Amino acid sequence: MPGPRPRDPAHQGRRDAQRRQEARPRDRQAAADRHAADHRGDRRGARGADGEGDRHRGACVSEIAQDGRRLGGYPGVLRQARAELQGQVVDLGIRGRVALVTGGARSLGLADATTLAGEGCAVAIVDLDGDGAAKAADEITSSGGRAQGYACDIREEAQVQEVVSRIERDLGPVDICVNNAGLIYTVAQLKDMKDEDWELNLAVNLTGTYKVTKAVFAGMRERRWGRIVVMASIAGLMGGFGQTAYATSKIGLIGFARSVALEGARYNVTCNAIAPGIIAPNAKLSPLYERMVKRVAMQREGEPEDVANTVAFLCSERARYI
């Protein structure tokens, strides 16, 4: 009598695979049932014995449905939520702060001052051109902001100390310091550069920033809140033909900002450097304007407001960890 037929391994493998395949839908359904039970509160401890969880959930659903009908359906709910969020997102949390902006009489500095005033700051506009600073302050005040102009040569420590004291009397302690004042005194190759040109670039761009920042830094530390912004330049990172003095002063500002940031961090005082590229309208005065624009990804120069919006953000509560 013949014995049992030997098992075909291939056939057995197909049978096992078929059983596993048939079990998968059952497993998935069981998992789905458990998940639904969790949300229904059917598991022990998920809701009270009196059905409190169901009543609370029903009330929430009913409230949402009522809001939806009242506001014209769920698009109306979304519109209301968006409107409420916008009021929170736009607020940078610096209303009532006192901001000092050097070089604030015109161009980029004026944009910085105007933007900060728009965020509710009292702005001290400090500039070598005292009349220009006063005019800029009047423009902000006439638009509903709070600002005052001050004449100051930031190369002179005595003038810096005096103007900071006046600002504290007029507006209050300085919470925000935007070091915007700077210059490109000459464009000259190293072989043609005069010592006084080198010294003037460093005295205004680097040493002036040091003196202004030092004058307000101690108070920020004591009050445990402060924002410092330093205006560097892309020239400091890349160099510039005929800009040895200017580029040197700007890369120095980046090192300065990094060091001040380390010293201020534990006191909630931040310090950041911004390195703008070519910014209108002054960029158009350069004979190399067309060539410089071609190196920009957007193929255009930036506007002062583009930088000013970044300054305002870095001075805000939303940038407290930057």
Foldseek 3Di string as FASTA:
>chain_A
DDDDDDDDVVVVVVVVVVVVVVCVVVVVVVVVVVVVCLVCLVDPPSDDPVCPVVVVVVVVVVVVVVVQVVQVHPVRVVVVVVVVVVVVVVQQACALAEEEFEPLLDFLNVLLQLVVQVNHYAYEYEYCPQVSQQVSQVVSVVVPGHYHYDHADLLDLVRLLVVQVVCCVPRRAHAEYEYDDADQPDQAAPVPDDPVNLVVRLSTQAVSLVSNCVSRVVVCLVVLGHEYEHEAAVCLVVNDHSRVSNNVSRVNVQVVQVVVQVVNLVSLYHYYYDHAYAEPDVLVVDPCNQVSLVVDPVSDHHYSNVVSVVSSNRGGPVVSPD
